[in-house]
Structure formats: C-alpha cells, structure tokens
Amino acid sequence: WVTNSITLTGNADQTLSSGGTLTIAQAINKAQGNLNLNGDTAVNVDAGVTLGSGAFQSTGGTFDNSGFAITADSITINHDGAVTVGGDLLGTTLVDVRAGAGNGTDNLSILGVTVQGATVALRAGDGNGGGNTSSVSVLATTSFNGVSDFTLEQDAAIDTAASGITLALFNGGLGSSYTPTPPDSVVTGSGSTGIDVEG
C-alpha cells in the first residue's frame, strides 16, 4: 500500500509494483518523468495521480480508478483482466486503455467520466486467437474532449450502439479519424444511433 500523500521528485522513471494488489491510497504528484504502476493481481487507484509532464503506465491483473482522476501527458493502461475507468483520464497526447489482454474475455467499462487526449484508443481483448468475448462499454454520461483520432478495438463483434459510443459524447466533435478494429469478429455499424462505421 502507498499510504501517505507523496510527491515524487526527479525526472527519471519511477515504478511502484506489487506481486499481488497495488493500491494507491493517497494522492501522487510528480512534476517530471514517467510513473509506472504494476500489480500482478490488481491495481487500484484510490486517490488522484497528477504528473506535470511524463507518461502514466499501468499493467497487471485488473484495474480500477473509480472516483479518482489520472492526469499526465500520456496515459496507457494495459491490463490482463477487467478494467473499470471510474475516474477522469486527462491526457494531453494519448489515452490508450486495454482490458482482457491476457484472455480475451474480460471487459473495459468507462463509467461516465471525462476522457481527454488527442488520440484515444479503447481496447478489450487479446487480439486474434484466445477468447473472443471481450468488449468495451461506455456510459452515456461519458465525455470525450479534444479527440482527433479514436480507435475502438474489441474481441467481440463491434456494434457501436451496444457499446454506447455516439458522436454526441465527443465535445467539439470527433477530429480526423475513427478506426473500429475487430480482432476476432466482424464490424457492425449502427448508423444514426452510434458512430457510423463505413468502408
């Protein structure tokens, strides 16, 4: 457990790791450099994480940041198990989140938060092979800000209506591109109820 509010100094990469569950119980502030979190069983971010500059990365089993924002130049969350994004992800350049990387069966849930970044990728599953049921779901109260490039990738068939992703969630609209990528299945578009998937 990280049990006290801490300020990490220096601009070198810093890693907090656990062979079990890594729980961030108090706020972390780091002015420069990257922060890497790893919990073999789980990473629970139970307090805000703010990086003045640098990348936030998290790997391991499951992930949950319910109620607490993560702010960084880039945010990469790549977990083998289920991922619950219950706090804002405030990136500048990149927000890339994957659940189910280890099995193709666990899901990514975005729970009505703000997701901000020039490039946003929401992914669920392990790609071709393995399981084929991982999916991405987004609550209608979610807001995507400043997004130019958006990627949705999941092992289950992509149905934008079922995922909950609509153009209305993108404040200021969606910039230049939307890339649906189904590693294990086919793409199905939902027209006016979701992001139109064509071509």
C-alpha atoms as a PDB file:
ATOM      1  CA  TRP A   1       0.000   0.000   0.000  1.00  0.00           C
ATOM      2  CA  VAL A   2       1.036   3.594  -0.657  1.00  0.00           C
ATOM      3  CA  THR A   3      -0.496   5.115   2.469  1.00  0.00           C
ATOM      4  CA  ASN A   4       0.717   8.719   2.607  1.00  0.00           C
ATOM      5  CA  SER A   5       0.296  11.633   0.220  1.00  0.00           C
ATOM      6  CA  ILE A   6       3.556  11.683  -1.664  1.00  0.00           C
ATOM      7  CA  THR A   7       5.446  13.916  -4.054  1.00  0.00           C
ATOM      8  CA  LEU A   8       7.829  12.037  -6.328  1.00  0.00           C
ATOM      9  CA  THR A   9      10.878  14.075  -7.294  1.00  0.00           C
ATOM     10  CA  GLY A  10      13.373  13.867 -10.144  1.00  0.00           C
ATOM     11  CA  ASN A  11      12.686  13.322 -13.813  1.00  0.00           C
ATOM     12  CA  ALA A  12      13.657   9.639 -14.000  1.00  0.00           C
ATOM     13  CA  ASP A  13      11.061   6.896 -14.484  1.00  0.00           C
ATOM     14  CA  GLN A  14       9.637   5.662 -11.194  1.00  0.00           C
ATOM     15  CA  THR A  15       7.885   2.333 -10.646  1.00  0.00           C
ATOM     16  CA  LEU A  16       5.516   1.188  -7.913  1.00  0.00           C
ATOM     17  CA  SER A  17       4.984  -2.560  -8.056  1.00  0.00           C
ATOM     18  CA  SER A  18       3.353  -5.425  -6.172  1.00  0.00           C
ATOM     19  CA  GLY A  19       3.303  -9.171  -6.708  1.00  0.00           C
ATOM     20  CA  GLY A  20      -0.324  -9.008  -5.509  1.00  0.00           C
ATOM     21  CA  THR A  21      -2.589  -5.947  -5.393  1.00  0.00           C
ATOM     22  CA  LEU A  22      -1.099  -2.462  -5.663  1.00  0.00           C
ATOM     23  CA  THR A  23      -3.384   0.105  -4.012  1.00  0.00           C
ATOM     24  CA  ILE A  24      -2.692   3.826  -4.291  1.00  0.00           C
ATOM     25  CA  ALA A  25      -4.445   5.129  -1.179  1.00  0.00           C
ATOM     26  CA  GLN A  26      -3.197   8.744  -1.201  1.00  0.00           C
ATOM     27  CA  ALA A  27      -2.614  11.303  -3.941  1.00  0.00           C
ATOM     28  CA  ILE A  28       0.561  11.102  -6.011  1.00  0.00           C
ATOM     29  CA  ASN A  29       2.119  14.209  -7.558  1.00  0.00           C
ATOM     30  CA  LYS A  30       5.145  14.078  -9.858  1.00  0.00           C
ATOM     31  CA  ALA A  31       6.384  17.191 -11.653  1.00  0.00           C
ATOM     32  CA  GLN A  32       8.526  15.433 -14.283  1.00  0.00           C
ATOM     33  CA  GLY A  33       9.184  11.968 -15.631  1.00  0.00           C
ATOM     34  CA  ASN A  34       7.140   8.820 -16.044  1.00  0.00           C
ATOM     35  CA  LEU A  35       5.237   6.789 -13.470  1.00  0.00           C
ATOM     36  CA  ASN A  36       4.776   3.038 -13.910  1.00  0.00           C
ATOM     37  CA  LEU A  37       2.352   1.013 -11.792  1.00  0.00           C
ATOM     38  CA  ASN A  38       2.184  -2.783 -11.741  1.00  0.00           C
ATOM     39  CA  GLY A  39       0.028  -5.110  -9.674  1.00  0.00           C
ATOM     40  CA  ASP A  40       0.153  -8.753 -10.659  1.00  0.00           C
ATOM     41  CA  THR A  41      -3.340  -9.283  -9.215  1.00  0.00           C
ATOM     42  CA  ALA A  42      -4.731  -5.738  -9.441  1.00  0.00           C
ATOM     43  CA  VAL A  43      -4.012  -2.012  -9.500  1.00  0.00           C
ATOM     44  CA  ASN A  44      -6.491   0.087  -7.518  1.00  0.00           C
ATOM     45  CA  VAL A  45      -6.043   3.841  -7.840  1.00  0.00           C
ATOM     46  CA  ASP A  46      -7.947   5.108  -4.802  1.00  0.00           C
ATOM     47  CA  ALA A  47      -6.532   8.651  -4.946  1.00  0.00           C
ATOM     48  CA  GLY A  48      -5.662  11.157  -7.659  1.00  0.00           C
ATOM     49  CA  VAL A  49      -2.478  10.862  -9.706  1.00  0.00           C
ATOM     50  CA  THR A  50      -1.040  14.024 -11.299  1.00  0.00           C
ATOM     51  CA  LEU A  51       2.052  14.087 -13.485  1.00  0.00           C
ATOM     52  CA  GLY A  52       3.215  17.562 -14.518  1.00  0.00           C
ATOM     53  CA  SER A  53       4.888  16.070 -17.569  1.00  0.00           C
ATOM     54  CA  GLY A  54       5.571  12.487 -18.488  1.00  0.00           C
ATOM     55  CA  ALA A  55       3.688   9.263 -19.066  1.00  0.00           C
ATOM     56  CA  PHE A  56       1.450   7.248 -16.745  1.00  0.00           C
ATOM     57  CA  GLN A  57       1.532   3.496 -17.369  1.00  0.00           C
ATOM     58  CA  SER A  58      -0.260   0.694 -15.548  1.00  0.00           C
ATOM     59  CA  THR A  59      -0.061  -3.060 -16.098  1.00  0.00           C
ATOM     60  CA  GLY A  60      -1.100  -6.227 -14.291  1.00  0.00           C
ATOM     61  CA  GLY A  61      -4.319  -8.065 -13.438  1.00  0.00           C
ATOM     62  CA  THR A  62      -7.429  -5.895 -13.010  1.00  0.00           C
ATOM     63  CA  PHE A  63      -7.530  -2.071 -12.851  1.00  0.00           C
ATOM     64  CA  ASP A  64      -9.922   0.354 -11.130  1.00  0.00           C
ATOM     65  CA  ASN A  65      -9.661   4.118 -10.579  1.00  0.00           C
ATOM     66  CA  SER A  66     -13.271   4.741  -9.549  1.00  0.00           C
ATOM     67  CA  GLY A  67     -13.717   8.318  -8.386  1.00  0.00           C
ATOM     68  CA  PHE A  68     -10.123   9.459  -8.921  1.00  0.00           C
ATOM     69  CA  ALA A  69      -8.576  11.291 -11.873  1.00  0.00           C
ATOM     70  CA  ILE A  70      -5.297  10.494 -13.583  1.00  0.00           C
ATOM     71  CA  THR A  71      -3.598  13.447 -15.285  1.00  0.00           C
ATOM     72  CA  ALA A  72      -0.493  13.057 -17.489  1.00  0.00           C
ATOM     73  CA  ASP A  73       0.893  13.818 -20.940  1.00  0.00           C
ATOM     74  CA  SER A  74       0.024  10.280 -21.963  1.00  0.00           C
ATOM     75  CA  ILE A  75      -1.933   7.555 -20.172  1.00  0.00           C
ATOM     76  CA  THR A  76      -1.533   3.865 -21.019  1.00  0.00           C
ATOM     77  CA  ILE A  77      -3.479   1.235 -19.079  1.00  0.00           C
ATOM     78  CA  ASN A  78      -2.822  -2.297 -20.355  1.00  0.00           C
ATOM     79  CA  HIS A  79      -4.230  -4.999 -18.074  1.00  0.00           C
ATOM     80  CA  ASP A  80      -4.840  -8.718 -18.442  1.00  0.00           C
ATOM     81  CA  GLY A  81      -8.125  -8.613 -16.517  1.00  0.00           C
ATOM     82  CA  ALA A  82     -11.155  -6.329 -16.321  1.00  0.00           C
ATOM     83  CA  VAL A  83     -10.599  -2.560 -16.397  1.00  0.00           C
ATOM     84  CA  THR A  84     -13.001  -0.106 -14.750  1.00  0.00           C
ATOM     85  CA  VAL A  85     -12.403   3.554 -15.572  1.00  0.00           C
ATOM     86  CA  GLY A  86     -14.439   5.298 -12.896  1.00  0.00           C
ATOM     87  CA  GLY A  87     -12.336   8.477 -12.710  1.00  0.00           C
ATOM     88  CA  ASP A  88     -11.296  11.001 -15.339  1.00  0.00           C
ATOM     89  CA  LEU A  89      -8.385  10.184 -17.666  1.00  0.00           C
ATOM     90  CA  LEU A  90      -6.889  13.558 -18.578  1.00  0.00           C
ATOM     91  CA  GLY A  91      -4.142  13.070 -21.132  1.00  0.00           C
ATOM     92  CA  THR A  92      -2.622  15.598 -23.495  1.00  0.00           C
ATOM     93  CA  THR A  93      -1.398  13.433 -26.353  1.00  0.00           C
ATOM     94  CA  LEU A  94      -2.642   9.893 -25.713  1.00  0.00           C
ATOM     95  CA  VAL A  95      -5.111   7.828 -23.708  1.00  0.00           C
ATOM     96  CA  ASP A  96      -4.797   4.117 -24.550  1.00  0.00           C
ATOM     97  CA  VAL A  97      -6.744   1.665 -22.377  1.00  0.00           C
ATOM     98  CA  ARG A  98      -6.920  -2.134 -22.788  1.00  0.00           C
ATOM     99  CA  ALA A  99      -8.723  -4.779 -20.749  1.00  0.00           C
ATOM    100  CA  GLY A 100      -8.671  -8.536 -21.225  1.00  0.00           C
ATOM    101  CA  ALA A 101      -5.190  -8.593 -22.735  1.00  0.00           C
ATOM    102  CA  GLY A 102      -4.496 -11.906 -21.042  1.00  0.00           C
ATOM    103  CA  ASN A 103      -7.583 -13.872 -22.020  1.00  0.00           C
ATOM    104  CA  GLY A 104      -9.931 -12.161 -24.476  1.00  0.00           C
ATOM    105  CA  THR A 105     -12.849 -12.482 -22.044  1.00  0.00           C
ATOM    106  CA  ASP A 106     -12.578  -9.554 -19.591  1.00  0.00           C
ATOM    107  CA  ASN A 107     -14.188  -6.198 -20.384  1.00  0.00           C
ATOM    108  CA  LEU A 108     -13.416  -2.471 -20.388  1.00  0.00           C
ATOM    109  CA  SER A 109     -16.020  -0.252 -18.687  1.00  0.00           C
ATOM    110  CA  ILE A 110     -15.950   3.563 -18.944  1.00  0.00           C
ATOM    111  CA  LEU A 111     -18.266   4.864 -16.197  1.00  0.00           C
ATOM    112  CA  GLY A 112     -19.445   8.349 -17.140  1.00  0.00           C
ATOM    113  CA  VAL A 113     -16.116  10.154 -16.799  1.00  0.00           C
ATOM    114  CA  THR A 114     -14.096  12.595 -18.905  1.00  0.00           C
ATOM    115  CA  VAL A 115     -11.575  11.058 -21.294  1.00  0.00           C
ATOM    116  CA  GLN A 116      -9.246  13.633 -22.788  1.00  0.00           C
ATOM    117  CA  GLY A 117      -6.448  13.246 -25.314  1.00  0.00           C
ATOM    118  CA  ALA A 118      -5.602  13.967 -28.940  1.00  0.00           C
ATOM    119  CA  THR A 119      -5.506  10.220 -29.585  1.00  0.00           C
ATOM    120  CA  VAL A 120      -7.843   7.907 -27.676  1.00  0.00           C
ATOM    121  CA  ALA A 121      -7.882   4.122 -28.029  1.00  0.00           C
ATOM    122  CA  LEU A 122     -10.288   1.882 -26.140  1.00  0.00           C
ATOM    123  CA  ARG A 123      -9.419  -1.804 -26.442  1.00  0.00           C
ATOM    124  CA  ALA A 124     -10.753  -5.038 -24.988  1.00  0.00           C
ATOM    125  CA  GLY A 125      -9.269  -8.456 -25.613  1.00  0.00           C
ATOM    126  CA  ASP A 126      -6.150 -10.267 -26.676  1.00  0.00           C
ATOM    127  CA  GLY A 127      -6.440  -9.849 -30.438  1.00  0.00           C
ATOM    128  CA  ASN A 128      -6.722 -12.752 -32.845  1.00  0.00           C
ATOM    129  CA  GLY A 129      -6.991 -16.095 -31.091  1.00  0.00           C
ATOM    130  CA  GLY A 130      -7.720 -16.727 -27.437  1.00  0.00           C
ATOM    131  CA  GLY A 131     -11.094 -15.630 -26.116  1.00  0.00           C
ATOM    132  CA  ASN A 132     -13.481 -13.632 -28.269  1.00  0.00           C
ATOM    133  CA  THR A 133     -15.965 -12.053 -25.872  1.00  0.00           C
ATOM    134  CA  SER A 134     -14.086  -9.006 -24.508  1.00  0.00           C
ATOM    135  CA  SER A 135     -15.961  -5.783 -25.162  1.00  0.00           C
ATOM    136  CA  VAL A 136     -15.929  -2.050 -24.469  1.00  0.00           C
ATOM    137  CA  SER A 137     -18.886  -0.311 -22.823  1.00  0.00           C
ATOM    138  CA  VAL A 138     -19.257   3.433 -22.290  1.00  0.00           C
ATOM    139  CA  LEU A 139     -21.938   5.096 -20.144  1.00  0.00           C
ATOM    140  CA  ALA A 140     -23.904   7.865 -21.831  1.00  0.00           C
ATOM    141  CA  THR A 141     -22.617  10.410 -19.302  1.00  0.00           C
ATOM    142  CA  THR A 142     -19.039   9.936 -20.545  1.00  0.00           C
ATOM    143  CA  SER A 143     -17.400  12.914 -22.273  1.00  0.00           C
ATOM    144  CA  PHE A 144     -14.539  12.737 -24.782  1.00  0.00           C
ATOM    145  CA  ASN A 145     -12.587  16.005 -25.046  1.00  0.00           C
ATOM    146  CA  GLY A 146     -10.041  17.166 -27.630  1.00  0.00           C
ATOM    147  CA  VAL A 147     -10.028  13.891 -29.563  1.00  0.00           C
ATOM    148  CA  SER A 148      -8.658  13.888 -33.108  1.00  0.00           C
ATOM    149  CA  ASP A 149      -8.110  10.149 -33.564  1.00  0.00           C
ATOM    150  CA  PHE A 150     -10.290   7.498 -31.943  1.00  0.00           C
ATOM    151  CA  THR A 151      -9.860   3.718 -32.037  1.00  0.00           C
ATOM    152  CA  LEU A 152     -12.318   1.129 -30.747  1.00  0.00           C
ATOM    153  CA  GLU A 153     -10.940  -2.418 -30.662  1.00  0.00           C
ATOM    154  CA  GLN A 154     -12.513  -5.464 -29.074  1.00  0.00           C
ATOM    155  CA  ASP A 155     -12.589  -9.218 -29.494  1.00  0.00           C
ATOM    156  CA  ALA A 156     -16.393  -9.342 -29.558  1.00  0.00           C
ATOM    157  CA  ALA A 157     -18.218  -8.162 -32.678  1.00  0.00           C
ATOM    158  CA  ILE A 158     -18.327  -4.366 -32.747  1.00  0.00           C
ATOM    159  CA  ASP A 159     -21.797  -2.866 -32.559  1.00  0.00           C
ATOM    160  CA  THR A 160     -21.448   0.826 -31.813  1.00  0.00           C
ATOM    161  CA  ALA A 161     -24.978   1.080 -30.419  1.00  0.00           C
ATOM    162  CA  ALA A 162     -24.300  -1.699 -27.916  1.00  0.00           C
ATOM    163  CA  SER A 163     -21.016  -0.100 -26.857  1.00  0.00           C
ATOM    164  CA  GLY A 164     -22.774   3.183 -26.011  1.00  0.00           C
ATOM    165  CA  ILE A 165     -20.330   5.253 -28.074  1.00  0.00           C
ATOM    166  CA  THR A 166     -22.062   8.031 -30.022  1.00  0.00           C
ATOM    167  CA  LEU A 167     -20.808  11.198 -31.686  1.00  0.00           C
ATOM    168  CA  ALA A 168     -22.707  13.199 -29.053  1.00  0.00           C
ATOM    169  CA  LEU A 169     -20.131  12.089 -26.456  1.00  0.00           C
ATOM    170  CA  PHE A 170     -17.336  13.902 -28.330  1.00  0.00           C
ATOM    171  CA  ASN A 171     -17.253  17.547 -27.200  1.00  0.00           C
ATOM    172  CA  GLY A 172     -16.395  19.634 -30.232  1.00  0.00           C
ATOM    173  CA  GLY A 173     -16.976  16.621 -32.466  1.00  0.00           C
ATOM    174  CA  LEU A 174     -14.528  13.963 -33.480  1.00  0.00           C
ATOM    175  CA  GLY A 175     -11.438  15.140 -35.331  1.00  0.00           C
ATOM    176  CA  SER A 176      -9.913  13.330 -38.254  1.00  0.00           C
ATOM    177  CA  SER A 177     -10.451   9.622 -37.828  1.00  0.00           C
ATOM    178  CA  TYR A 178     -12.383   6.783 -36.221  1.00  0.00           C
ATOM    179  CA  THR A 179     -10.961   3.275 -36.553  1.00  0.00           C
ATOM    180  CA  PRO A 180     -13.072   0.302 -35.500  1.00  0.00           C
ATOM    181  CA  THR A 181     -10.867  -2.790 -35.233  1.00  0.00           C
ATOM    182  CA  PRO A 182     -12.389  -6.204 -34.534  1.00  0.00           C
ATOM    183  CA  PRO A 183      -9.550  -8.657 -33.886  1.00  0.00           C
ATOM    184  CA  ASP A 184     -11.800 -11.708 -33.608  1.00  0.00           C
ATOM    185  CA  SER A 185     -15.064 -10.672 -35.247  1.00  0.00           C
ATOM    186  CA  VAL A 186     -16.835  -8.538 -37.815  1.00  0.00           C
ATOM    187  CA  VAL A 187     -17.763  -4.873 -37.625  1.00  0.00           C
ATOM    188  CA  THR A 188     -21.416  -3.917 -37.452  1.00  0.00           C
ATOM    189  CA  GLY A 189     -22.405  -0.280 -37.696  1.00  0.00           C
ATOM    190  CA  SER A 190     -25.426   1.310 -36.100  1.00  0.00           C
ATOM    191  CA  GLY A 191     -25.849   4.418 -38.239  1.00  0.00           C
ATOM    192  CA  SER A 192     -27.509   7.365 -36.551  1.00  0.00           C
ATOM    193  CA  THR A 193     -27.565   5.762 -33.100  1.00  0.00           C
ATOM    194  CA  GLY A 194     -23.816   5.412 -32.910  1.00  0.00           C
ATOM    195  CA  ILE A 195     -20.656   6.313 -34.741  1.00  0.00           C
ATOM    196  CA  ASP A 196     -21.228   5.403 -38.365  1.00  0.00           C
ATOM    197  CA  VAL A 197     -18.934   2.570 -39.394  1.00  0.00           C
ATOM    198  CA  GLU A 198     -18.380   2.591 -43.134  1.00  0.00           C
ATOM    199  CA  GLY A 199     -15.898   1.474 -45.767  1.00  0.00           C
END
